[in-house]
Amino acid sequence: MNVFLLTLFPLSLIIFYFKKEQNNRAYFLPVIFSGVAAAALFLAYKLLFSSVYYIPRANVLTNFVYYFFSQAFIPVGVIYGLFFLFARKDSVEDRFSFFFPLAASFYAVFLPYLILETQKPYPGFLLFVKPLMFLAMFIILHAWLNKIPAAVNNVSQLVLSIAVMLVALCIPAITEAIWVVDLPPVCWIIPAVLICGYAAFIVFPKDSGSN
């Protein structure tokens, strides 16, 4: 049952890599390796200096704050923010295009560790729903990040891009915060389906010219 969790992000990276033009693929390999290396360093730091185990509270807001900052906002913000700053030889557009391979390669290591080392037994939500939501979140963030260069002179479009990305960052955390306190399943199924459905729409857009 752990196979899905362990293979989802590596498979998504393989698909992402081979969807690129052959002459552009080499640019993404160092980014992928950087994500894996960053995850190893990040986990080494957590093992040495902090505990990754979290005992859920009976409060949705408290759980949301923990999941949002420790599993989404801080890892994504720090890792991608540092990469964005240090990769200054690349154009802004190129650095935006590197978001998905960097984030997916980081979470290919980080997310299985969080689940398999700190959560026992492993319920289906953690093995299937949570990884799918994080993958969906990265697909959405990648898509809207890459809209920003064209939206720089369009304030409304820029605000919309930032708002969509913030919502995407929040949904996995709020969904898990709801799930962990045993609220009715429909309360977490709806946001999980919405984020995964929207990501699927981005990956497989409806052909407007079809009948």
C-alpha atoms as a PDB file:
ATOM      1  CA  MET A   1       0.000   0.000   0.000  1.00  0.00           C
ATOM      2  CA  ASN A   2       3.002   2.263   0.394  1.00  0.00           C
ATOM      3  CA  VAL A   3       3.893   1.883  -3.276  1.00  0.00           C
ATOM      4  CA  PHE A   4       1.545   4.667  -4.363  1.00  0.00           C
ATOM      5  CA  LEU A   5       3.029   7.095  -1.837  1.00  0.00           C
ATOM      6  CA  LEU A   6       6.602   6.213  -2.779  1.00  0.00           C
ATOM      7  CA  THR A   7       6.148   6.301  -6.547  1.00  0.00           C
ATOM      8  CA  LEU A   8       3.667   9.140  -7.176  1.00  0.00           C
ATOM      9  CA  PHE A   9       6.170  12.004  -7.235  1.00  0.00           C
ATOM     10  CA  PRO A  10       8.967  10.113  -9.043  1.00  0.00           C
ATOM     11  CA  LEU A  11       6.489   9.087 -11.756  1.00  0.00           C
ATOM     12  CA  SER A  12       5.176  12.649 -12.051  1.00  0.00           C
ATOM     13  CA  LEU A  13       8.753  13.875 -12.494  1.00  0.00           C
ATOM     14  CA  ILE A  14       9.401  11.307 -15.222  1.00  0.00           C
ATOM     15  CA  ILE A  15       6.251  12.399 -17.059  1.00  0.00           C
ATOM     16  CA  PHE A  16       7.181  16.073 -16.637  1.00  0.00           C
ATOM     17  CA  TYR A  17      10.706  15.408 -17.912  1.00  0.00           C
ATOM     18  CA  PHE A  18       9.669  13.538 -21.033  1.00  0.00           C
ATOM     19  CA  LYS A  19       6.937  16.034 -21.882  1.00  0.00           C
ATOM     20  CA  LYS A  20       9.660  18.625 -22.433  1.00  0.00           C
ATOM     21  CA  GLU A  21      11.379  19.102 -25.751  1.00  0.00           C
ATOM     22  CA  GLN A  22      14.446  16.901 -25.936  1.00  0.00           C
ATOM     23  CA  ASN A  23      16.850  19.841 -26.185  1.00  0.00           C
ATOM     24  CA  ASN A  24      15.353  21.385 -23.008  1.00  0.00           C
ATOM     25  CA  ARG A  25      15.400  18.299 -20.794  1.00  0.00           C
ATOM     26  CA  ALA A  26      18.990  18.736 -19.615  1.00  0.00           C
ATOM     27  CA  TYR A  27      18.062  21.985 -17.861  1.00  0.00           C
ATOM     28  CA  PHE A  28      15.714  20.166 -15.495  1.00  0.00           C
ATOM     29  CA  LEU A  29      18.037  17.383 -14.281  1.00  0.00           C
ATOM     30  CA  PRO A  30      20.150  19.667 -12.029  1.00  0.00           C
ATOM     31  CA  VAL A  31      16.914  21.109 -10.606  1.00  0.00           C
ATOM     32  CA  ILE A  32      15.606  17.632  -9.774  1.00  0.00           C
ATOM     33  CA  PHE A  33      18.879  16.649  -8.133  1.00  0.00           C
ATOM     34  CA  SER A  34      18.833  19.936  -6.190  1.00  0.00           C
ATOM     35  CA  GLY A  35      15.359  19.123  -4.853  1.00  0.00           C
ATOM     36  CA  VAL A  36      16.415  15.663  -3.666  1.00  0.00           C
ATOM     37  CA  ALA A  37      19.581  17.049  -2.046  1.00  0.00           C
ATOM     38  CA  ALA A  38      17.631  19.839  -0.356  1.00  0.00           C
ATOM     39  CA  ALA A  39      15.160  17.290   1.059  1.00  0.00           C
ATOM     40  CA  ALA A  40      18.008  15.199   2.471  1.00  0.00           C
ATOM     41  CA  LEU A  41      19.541  18.267   4.135  1.00  0.00           C
ATOM     42  CA  PHE A  42      16.171  19.483   5.404  1.00  0.00           C
ATOM     43  CA  LEU A  43      15.366  16.122   6.984  1.00  0.00           C
ATOM     44  CA  ALA A  44      18.856  15.864   8.475  1.00  0.00           C
ATOM     45  CA  TYR A  45      18.301  19.248  10.121  1.00  0.00           C
ATOM     46  CA  LYS A  46      14.897  18.190  11.489  1.00  0.00           C
ATOM     47  CA  LEU A  47      16.298  14.929  12.835  1.00  0.00           C
ATOM     48  CA  LEU A  48      19.173  16.693  14.575  1.00  0.00           C
ATOM     49  CA  PHE A  49      17.483  19.824  15.866  1.00  0.00           C
ATOM     50  CA  SER A  50      13.724  19.316  16.002  1.00  0.00           C
ATOM     51  CA  SER A  51      11.056  16.661  16.284  1.00  0.00           C
ATOM     52  CA  VAL A  52       8.884  15.993  13.245  1.00  0.00           C
ATOM     53  CA  TYR A  53       6.247  14.157  15.237  1.00  0.00           C
ATOM     54  CA  TYR A  54       3.090  16.133  15.852  1.00  0.00           C
ATOM     55  CA  ILE A  55       0.230  15.041  18.086  1.00  0.00           C
ATOM     56  CA  PRO A  56      -2.957  16.395  16.470  1.00  0.00           C
ATOM     57  CA  ARG A  57      -5.148  18.588  18.624  1.00  0.00           C
ATOM     58  CA  ALA A  58      -8.926  18.571  18.785  1.00  0.00           C
ATOM     59  CA  ASN A  59      -8.948  21.984  17.131  1.00  0.00           C
ATOM     60  CA  VAL A  60      -9.104  22.370  13.354  1.00  0.00           C
ATOM     61  CA  LEU A  61      -7.451  25.805  13.345  1.00  0.00           C
ATOM     62  CA  THR A  62      -4.491  24.679  15.480  1.00  0.00           C
ATOM     63  CA  ASN A  63      -3.926  21.651  13.266  1.00  0.00           C
ATOM     64  CA  PHE A  64      -4.254  23.765  10.124  1.00  0.00           C
ATOM     65  CA  VAL A  65      -1.617  26.245  11.303  1.00  0.00           C
ATOM     66  CA  TYR A  66       0.817  23.424  12.055  1.00  0.00           C
ATOM     67  CA  TYR A  67       0.251  21.542   8.794  1.00  0.00           C
ATOM     68  CA  PHE A  68       0.273  24.704   6.698  1.00  0.00           C
ATOM     69  CA  PHE A  69       3.536  26.108   7.991  1.00  0.00           C
ATOM     70  CA  SER A  70       5.511  22.923   8.660  1.00  0.00           C
ATOM     71  CA  GLN A  71       4.493  20.881   5.625  1.00  0.00           C
ATOM     72  CA  ALA A  72       3.660  23.432   2.931  1.00  0.00           C
ATOM     73  CA  PHE A  73       4.478  27.113   3.371  1.00  0.00           C
ATOM     74  CA  ILE A  74       7.913  26.897   5.023  1.00  0.00           C
ATOM     75  CA  PRO A  75       9.352  24.011   2.958  1.00  0.00           C
ATOM     76  CA  VAL A  76       8.025  25.402  -0.323  1.00  0.00           C
ATOM     77  CA  GLY A  77       8.852  29.002   0.521  1.00  0.00           C
ATOM     78  CA  VAL A  78      12.350  28.355   1.845  1.00  0.00           C
ATOM     79  CA  ILE A  79      13.480  25.804  -0.741  1.00  0.00           C
ATOM     80  CA  TYR A  80      12.050  27.560  -3.773  1.00  0.00           C
ATOM     81  CA  GLY A  81      12.881  31.022  -2.425  1.00  0.00           C
ATOM     82  CA  LEU A  82      16.550  30.106  -1.968  1.00  0.00           C
ATOM     83  CA  PHE A  83      16.644  28.446  -5.377  1.00  0.00           C
ATOM     84  CA  PHE A  84      15.050  31.489  -6.991  1.00  0.00           C
ATOM     85  CA  LEU A  85      17.669  33.775  -5.425  1.00  0.00           C
ATOM     86  CA  PHE A  86      20.700  31.630  -6.215  1.00  0.00           C
ATOM     87  CA  ALA A  87      19.683  30.783  -9.785  1.00  0.00           C
ATOM     88  CA  ARG A  88      20.065  34.394 -10.875  1.00  0.00           C
ATOM     89  CA  LYS A  89      21.920  33.423 -14.034  1.00  0.00           C
ATOM     90  CA  ASP A  90      18.612  32.063 -15.328  1.00  0.00           C
ATOM     91  CA  SER A  91      15.800  34.329 -16.454  1.00  0.00           C
ATOM     92  CA  VAL A  92      12.785  34.869 -14.211  1.00  0.00           C
ATOM     93  CA  GLU A  93      10.674  32.855 -16.653  1.00  0.00           C
ATOM     94  CA  ASP A  94      13.122  29.941 -16.458  1.00  0.00           C
ATOM     95  CA  ARG A  95      13.151  30.042 -12.669  1.00  0.00           C
ATOM     96  CA  PHE A  96       9.359  29.904 -12.633  1.00  0.00           C
ATOM     97  CA  SER A  97       9.452  26.943 -15.027  1.00  0.00           C
ATOM     98  CA  PHE A  98      11.712  25.080 -12.575  1.00  0.00           C
ATOM     99  CA  PHE A  99       9.153  25.189  -9.763  1.00  0.00           C
ATOM    100  CA  PHE A 100       7.456  21.848 -10.363  1.00  0.00           C
ATOM    101  CA  PRO A 101      10.580  19.694 -10.792  1.00  0.00           C
ATOM    102  CA  LEU A 102      12.169  21.298  -7.723  1.00  0.00           C
ATOM    103  CA  ALA A 103       9.097  20.959  -5.492  1.00  0.00           C
ATOM    104  CA  ALA A 104       8.162  17.466  -6.690  1.00  0.00           C
ATOM    105  CA  SER A 105      11.692  16.125  -6.243  1.00  0.00           C
ATOM    106  CA  PHE A 106      11.867  17.644  -2.745  1.00  0.00           C
ATOM    107  CA  TYR A 107       8.540  16.148  -1.686  1.00  0.00           C
ATOM    108  CA  ALA A 108       9.378  12.793  -3.272  1.00  0.00           C
ATOM    109  CA  VAL A 109      11.674  12.416  -0.254  1.00  0.00           C
ATOM    110  CA  PHE A 110      10.102  14.729   2.322  1.00  0.00           C
ATOM    111  CA  LEU A 111       6.465  13.607   2.217  1.00  0.00           C
ATOM    112  CA  PRO A 112       7.016   9.820   2.482  1.00  0.00           C
ATOM    113  CA  TYR A 113       9.322  10.447   5.419  1.00  0.00           C
ATOM    114  CA  LEU A 114       6.718  12.534   7.229  1.00  0.00           C
ATOM    115  CA  ILE A 115       4.044   9.898   6.728  1.00  0.00           C
ATOM    116  CA  LEU A 116       5.941   6.616   7.093  1.00  0.00           C
ATOM    117  CA  GLU A 117       8.119   7.677  10.029  1.00  0.00           C
ATOM    118  CA  THR A 118       5.619   9.622  12.117  1.00  0.00           C
ATOM    119  CA  GLN A 119       2.171   8.136  11.416  1.00  0.00           C
ATOM    120  CA  LYS A 120       1.335   4.554  12.422  1.00  0.00           C
ATOM    121  CA  PRO A 121      -0.828   2.812  11.357  1.00  0.00           C
ATOM    122  CA  TYR A 122      -1.093   4.316   7.895  1.00  0.00           C
ATOM    123  CA  PRO A 123      -4.686   5.205   6.989  1.00  0.00           C
ATOM    124  CA  GLY A 124      -5.739   5.533   3.368  1.00  0.00           C
ATOM    125  CA  PHE A 125      -6.000   9.311   3.660  1.00  0.00           C
ATOM    126  CA  LEU A 126      -2.275   9.624   4.318  1.00  0.00           C
ATOM    127  CA  LEU A 127      -1.211   7.042   1.748  1.00  0.00           C
ATOM    128  CA  PHE A 128      -3.422   8.199  -1.122  1.00  0.00           C
ATOM    129  CA  VAL A 129      -5.357  11.431  -0.567  1.00  0.00           C
ATOM    130  CA  LYS A 130      -2.576  13.515   0.983  1.00  0.00           C
ATOM    131  CA  PRO A 131       0.041  12.739  -1.710  1.00  0.00           C
ATOM    132  CA  LEU A 132      -2.513  13.441  -4.449  1.00  0.00           C
ATOM    133  CA  MET A 133      -3.402  16.791  -2.888  1.00  0.00           C
ATOM    134  CA  PHE A 134       0.233  17.837  -2.657  1.00  0.00           C
ATOM    135  CA  LEU A 135       0.831  16.832  -6.260  1.00  0.00           C
ATOM    136  CA  ALA A 136      -2.272  18.788  -7.271  1.00  0.00           C
ATOM    137  CA  MET A 137      -1.053  21.769  -5.250  1.00  0.00           C
ATOM    138  CA  PHE A 138       2.285  21.791  -7.087  1.00  0.00           C
ATOM    139  CA  ILE A 139       0.590  21.516 -10.473  1.00  0.00           C
ATOM    140  CA  ILE A 140      -1.597  24.522  -9.646  1.00  0.00           C
ATOM    141  CA  LEU A 141       1.277  26.564  -8.199  1.00  0.00           C
ATOM    142  CA  HIS A 142       3.436  25.797 -11.228  1.00  0.00           C
ATOM    143  CA  ALA A 143       0.708  26.776 -13.664  1.00  0.00           C
ATOM    144  CA  TRP A 144      -0.084  30.075 -11.949  1.00  0.00           C
ATOM    145  CA  LEU A 145       3.543  30.978 -11.236  1.00  0.00           C
ATOM    146  CA  ASN A 146       4.183  30.764 -14.938  1.00  0.00           C
ATOM    147  CA  LYS A 147       1.334  33.211 -15.580  1.00  0.00           C
ATOM    148  CA  ILE A 148       3.006  35.924 -13.490  1.00  0.00           C
ATOM    149  CA  PRO A 149       5.495  37.252 -16.091  1.00  0.00           C
ATOM    150  CA  ALA A 150       2.618  37.998 -18.460  1.00  0.00           C
ATOM    151  CA  ALA A 151       0.573  39.514 -15.626  1.00  0.00           C
ATOM    152  CA  VAL A 152       3.177  41.949 -14.277  1.00  0.00           C
ATOM    153  CA  ASN A 153       1.456  44.922 -15.905  1.00  0.00           C
ATOM    154  CA  ASN A 154      -2.033  43.639 -15.160  1.00  0.00           C
ATOM    155  CA  VAL A 155      -2.790  44.220 -11.476  1.00  0.00           C
ATOM    156  CA  SER A 156      -6.045  42.247 -11.426  1.00  0.00           C
ATOM    157  CA  GLN A 157      -4.428  39.225 -13.084  1.00  0.00           C
ATOM    158  CA  LEU A 158      -1.463  39.427 -10.719  1.00  0.00           C
ATOM    159  CA  VAL A 159      -3.737  39.569  -7.661  1.00  0.00           C
ATOM    160  CA  LEU A 160      -5.751  36.642  -9.016  1.00  0.00           C
ATOM    161  CA  SER A 161      -2.577  34.587  -9.530  1.00  0.00           C
ATOM    162  CA  ILE A 162      -1.396  35.235  -5.977  1.00  0.00           C
ATOM    163  CA  ALA A 163      -4.849  34.493  -4.528  1.00  0.00           C
ATOM    164  CA  VAL A 164      -5.149  31.179  -6.385  1.00  0.00           C
ATOM    165  CA  MET A 165      -1.672  30.134  -5.239  1.00  0.00           C
ATOM    166  CA  LEU A 166      -2.439  30.985  -1.612  1.00  0.00           C
ATOM    167  CA  VAL A 167      -5.668  28.993  -1.713  1.00  0.00           C
ATOM    168  CA  ALA A 168      -3.840  26.054  -3.311  1.00  0.00           C
ATOM    169  CA  LEU A 169      -1.219  26.182  -0.541  1.00  0.00           C
ATOM    170  CA  CYS A 170      -3.938  26.143   2.134  1.00  0.00           C
ATOM    171  CA  ILE A 171      -6.175  23.340   0.864  1.00  0.00           C
ATOM    172  CA  PRO A 172      -4.004  20.299   1.751  1.00  0.00           C
ATOM    173  CA  ALA A 173      -3.455  21.662   5.257  1.00  0.00           C
ATOM    174  CA  ILE A 174      -7.087  22.529   5.948  1.00  0.00           C
ATOM    175  CA  THR A 175      -8.225  19.202   4.497  1.00  0.00           C
ATOM    176  CA  GLU A 176      -5.923  17.211   6.764  1.00  0.00           C
ATOM    177  CA  ALA A 177      -6.851  19.405   9.741  1.00  0.00           C
ATOM    178  CA  ILE A 178     -10.504  18.516   9.129  1.00  0.00           C
ATOM    179  CA  TRP A 179      -9.791  14.831   8.558  1.00  0.00           C
ATOM    180  CA  VAL A 180      -7.660  14.377  11.666  1.00  0.00           C
ATOM    181  CA  VAL A 181     -10.421  15.554  14.052  1.00  0.00           C
ATOM    182  CA  ASP A 182     -12.903  13.058  12.573  1.00  0.00           C
ATOM    183  CA  LEU A 183     -15.408  15.481  11.145  1.00  0.00           C
ATOM    184  CA  PRO A 184     -17.863  13.960   8.646  1.00  0.00           C
ATOM    185  CA  PRO A 185     -15.933  12.667   5.598  1.00  0.00           C
ATOM    186  CA  VAL A 186     -17.769  15.008   3.229  1.00  0.00           C
ATOM    187  CA  CYS A 187     -16.027  17.940   4.957  1.00  0.00           C
ATOM    188  CA  TRP A 188     -12.596  16.830   3.727  1.00  0.00           C
ATOM    189  CA  ILE A 189     -13.664  15.002   0.575  1.00  0.00           C
ATOM    190  CA  ILE A 190     -15.019  18.197  -1.022  1.00  0.00           C
ATOM    191  CA  PRO A 191     -11.784  20.257  -0.816  1.00  0.00           C
ATOM    192  CA  ALA A 192      -9.699  17.216  -1.788  1.00  0.00           C
ATOM    193  CA  VAL A 193     -11.816  16.606  -4.883  1.00  0.00           C
ATOM    194  CA  LEU A 194     -11.800  20.295  -5.783  1.00  0.00           C
ATOM    195  CA  ILE A 195      -8.018  20.686  -5.705  1.00  0.00           C
ATOM    196  CA  CYS A 196      -7.377  17.398  -7.493  1.00  0.00           C
ATOM    197  CA  GLY A 197     -10.081  18.139 -10.042  1.00  0.00           C
ATOM    198  CA  TYR A 198      -8.680  21.568 -10.823  1.00  0.00           C
ATOM    199  CA  ALA A 199      -5.169  20.143 -11.187  1.00  0.00           C
ATOM    200  CA  ALA A 200      -6.524  17.487 -13.551  1.00  0.00           C
ATOM    201  CA  PHE A 201      -8.186  20.243 -15.584  1.00  0.00           C
ATOM    202  CA  ILE A 202      -4.806  21.998 -15.875  1.00  0.00           C
ATOM    203  CA  VAL A 203      -2.995  18.826 -16.932  1.00  0.00           C
ATOM    204  CA  PHE A 204      -5.764  17.613 -19.243  1.00  0.00           C
ATOM    205  CA  PRO A 205      -7.491  20.777 -20.500  1.00  0.00           C
ATOM    206  CA  LYS A 206     -10.731  20.302 -22.342  1.00  0.00           C
ATOM    207  CA  ASP A 207     -10.275  20.780 -26.052  1.00  0.00           C
ATOM    208  CA  SER A 208     -12.458  23.776 -26.821  1.00  0.00           C
ATOM    209  CA  GLY A 209     -12.677  22.679 -30.413  1.00  0.00           C
ATOM    210  CA  SER A 210     -14.106  19.253 -29.665  1.00  0.00           C
ATOM    211  CA  ASN A 211     -17.774  18.437 -30.108  1.00  0.00           C
END
